[in-house]
Amino acid sequence: MASLGWKIELYFLLISSLTLAKRGKEGEKVLVRVLNIMQGQRYIEICERNPTQ
């Protein structure tokens, strides 16, 4: 599944650009919150795999 990561990220980037165009500023706030949550989840995964991080 790791090999699909960049494809999923690219897809998300394309969809998010279209979403921002439709949703405006409020949509931008929501999207930033979602991205922050996703990044936090990734950091948790890294730390759980390697507690020295």
N, C-alpha and C. Protein backbone atom coordinates (compact mmCIF):
# COMPACT_ATOMS: atom_id res chain seq x y z
N MET A 1 0.82 -1.20 0.00
CA MET A 1 0.00 0.00 0.00
C MET A 1 0.86 1.26 0.00
N ALA A 2 2.07 1.17 0.53
CA ALA A 2 2.94 2.34 0.58
C ALA A 2 3.24 2.88 -0.81
N SER A 3 3.32 1.99 -1.81
CA SER A 3 3.62 2.44 -3.16
C SER A 3 2.48 3.27 -3.76
N LEU A 4 1.30 3.16 -3.21
CA LEU A 4 0.17 3.95 -3.68
C LEU A 4 0.08 5.31 -3.01
N GLY A 5 0.89 5.53 -1.98
CA GLY A 5 0.80 6.76 -1.20
C GLY A 5 0.85 8.03 -2.03
N TRP A 6 1.81 8.12 -2.95
CA TRP A 6 1.94 9.34 -3.74
C TRP A 6 0.75 9.52 -4.68
N LYS A 7 0.19 8.43 -5.17
CA LYS A 7 -0.98 8.53 -6.05
C LYS A 7 -2.19 9.04 -5.28
N ILE A 8 -2.34 8.55 -4.07
CA ILE A 8 -3.45 9.00 -3.22
C ILE A 8 -3.28 10.47 -2.89
N GLU A 9 -2.05 10.89 -2.57
CA GLU A 9 -1.80 12.29 -2.25
C GLU A 9 -2.07 13.18 -3.45
N LEU A 10 -1.65 12.75 -4.64
CA LEU A 10 -1.90 13.53 -5.85
C LEU A 10 -3.40 13.65 -6.11
N TYR A 11 -4.11 12.55 -5.97
CA TYR A 11 -5.56 12.56 -6.14
C TYR A 11 -6.20 13.54 -5.16
N PHE A 12 -5.77 13.46 -3.90
CA PHE A 12 -6.32 14.35 -2.87
C PHE A 12 -6.04 15.80 -3.21
N LEU A 13 -4.83 16.08 -3.71
CA LEU A 13 -4.47 17.45 -4.08
C LEU A 13 -5.37 17.97 -5.20
N LEU A 14 -5.60 17.15 -6.21
CA LEU A 14 -6.45 17.57 -7.32
C LEU A 14 -7.89 17.81 -6.86
N ILE A 15 -8.40 16.88 -6.08
CA ILE A 15 -9.77 17.01 -5.58
C ILE A 15 -9.89 18.22 -4.65
N SER A 16 -8.89 18.42 -3.80
CA SER A 16 -8.95 19.54 -2.86
C SER A 16 -8.93 20.87 -3.59
N SER A 17 -8.18 20.95 -4.70
CA SER A 17 -8.16 22.19 -5.48
C SER A 17 -9.55 22.49 -6.04
N LEU A 18 -10.21 21.47 -6.56
CA LEU A 18 -11.56 21.64 -7.08
C LEU A 18 -12.53 22.00 -5.95
N THR A 19 -12.35 21.36 -4.81
CA THR A 19 -13.21 21.62 -3.66
C THR A 19 -13.05 23.06 -3.19
N LEU A 20 -11.81 23.54 -3.12
CA LEU A 20 -11.57 24.92 -2.69
C LEU A 20 -12.24 25.91 -3.63
N ALA A 21 -12.18 25.64 -4.91
CA ALA A 21 -12.80 26.54 -5.88
C ALA A 21 -14.30 26.65 -5.65
N LYS A 22 -14.92 25.56 -5.23
CA LYS A 22 -16.37 25.56 -5.00
C LYS A 22 -16.75 26.04 -3.60
N ARG A 23 -15.93 25.72 -2.60
CA ARG A 23 -16.32 25.97 -1.20
C ARG A 23 -15.88 27.33 -0.68
N GLY A 24 -14.88 27.94 -1.30
CA GLY A 24 -14.43 29.25 -0.87
C GLY A 24 -13.67 29.21 0.45
N LYS A 25 -13.70 30.33 1.19
CA LYS A 25 -12.92 30.48 2.42
C LYS A 25 -13.31 29.48 3.50
N GLU A 26 -14.60 29.24 3.66
CA GLU A 26 -15.03 28.29 4.70
C GLU A 26 -14.52 26.90 4.37
N GLY A 27 -14.57 26.53 3.11
CA GLY A 27 -14.05 25.24 2.68
C GLY A 27 -12.55 25.14 2.90
N GLU A 28 -11.86 26.26 2.73
CA GLU A 28 -10.42 26.28 2.96
C GLU A 28 -10.10 25.98 4.43
N LYS A 29 -10.86 26.57 5.33
CA LYS A 29 -10.65 26.33 6.76
C LYS A 29 -10.84 24.85 7.09
N VAL A 30 -11.90 24.27 6.55
CA VAL A 30 -12.18 22.85 6.80
C VAL A 30 -11.07 21.99 6.23
N LEU A 31 -10.62 22.30 5.02
CA LEU A 31 -9.57 21.52 4.39
C LEU A 31 -8.27 21.58 5.18
N VAL A 32 -7.92 22.75 5.68
CA VAL A 32 -6.70 22.89 6.49
C VAL A 32 -6.81 22.05 7.76
N ARG A 33 -7.97 22.05 8.37
CA ARG A 33 -8.17 21.23 9.58
C ARG A 33 -8.00 19.75 9.27
N VAL A 34 -8.57 19.31 8.16
CA VAL A 34 -8.45 17.91 7.77
C VAL A 34 -7.00 17.55 7.50
N LEU A 35 -6.28 18.41 6.80
CA LEU A 35 -4.87 18.15 6.52
C LEU A 35 -4.05 18.09 7.81
N ASN A 36 -4.35 18.97 8.75
CA ASN A 36 -3.65 18.94 10.04
C ASN A 36 -3.91 17.63 10.79
N ILE A 37 -5.14 17.17 10.75
CA ILE A 37 -5.48 15.90 11.41
C ILE A 37 -4.74 14.75 10.74
N MET A 38 -4.72 14.75 9.40
CA MET A 38 -4.03 13.68 8.68
C MET A 38 -2.53 13.68 8.99
N GLN A 39 -1.94 14.87 9.06
CA GLN A 39 -0.52 14.97 9.38
C GLN A 39 -0.26 14.48 10.80
N GLY A 40 -1.11 14.85 11.73
CA GLY A 40 -0.96 14.39 13.10
C GLY A 40 -1.06 12.88 13.20
N GLN A 41 -1.99 12.30 12.45
CA GLN A 41 -2.14 10.85 12.46
C GLN A 41 -0.88 10.19 11.93
N ARG A 42 -0.29 10.77 10.90
CA ARG A 42 0.95 10.21 10.34
C ARG A 42 2.08 10.27 11.37
N TYR A 43 2.20 11.38 12.09
CA TYR A 43 3.23 11.50 13.12
C TYR A 43 3.03 10.46 14.21
N ILE A 44 1.79 10.21 14.59
CA ILE A 44 1.50 9.19 15.60
C ILE A 44 1.94 7.82 15.11
N GLU A 45 1.65 7.51 13.84
CA GLU A 45 2.07 6.23 13.27
C GLU A 45 3.59 6.08 13.31
N ILE A 46 4.30 7.14 12.96
CA ILE A 46 5.76 7.11 12.97
C ILE A 46 6.27 6.86 14.39
N CYS A 47 5.72 7.57 15.35
CA CYS A 47 6.16 7.43 16.75
C CYS A 47 5.84 6.05 17.31
N GLU A 48 4.71 5.50 16.92
CA GLU A 48 4.36 4.17 17.42
C GLU A 48 5.29 3.11 16.86
N ARG A 49 5.74 3.29 15.62
CA ARG A 49 6.68 2.35 15.03
C ARG A 49 8.09 2.50 15.60
N ASN A 50 8.45 3.75 15.92
CA ASN A 50 9.79 4.02 16.43
C ASN A 50 9.69 5.01 17.59
N PRO A 51 9.61 4.52 18.82
CA PRO A 51 9.43 5.39 19.99
C PRO A 51 10.54 6.42 20.20
N THR A 52 11.69 6.27 19.54
CA THR A 52 12.77 7.25 19.71
C THR A 52 12.50 8.53 18.92
N GLN A 53 11.49 8.53 18.09
CA GLN A 53 11.18 9.71 17.26
C GLN A 53 10.44 10.75 18.06
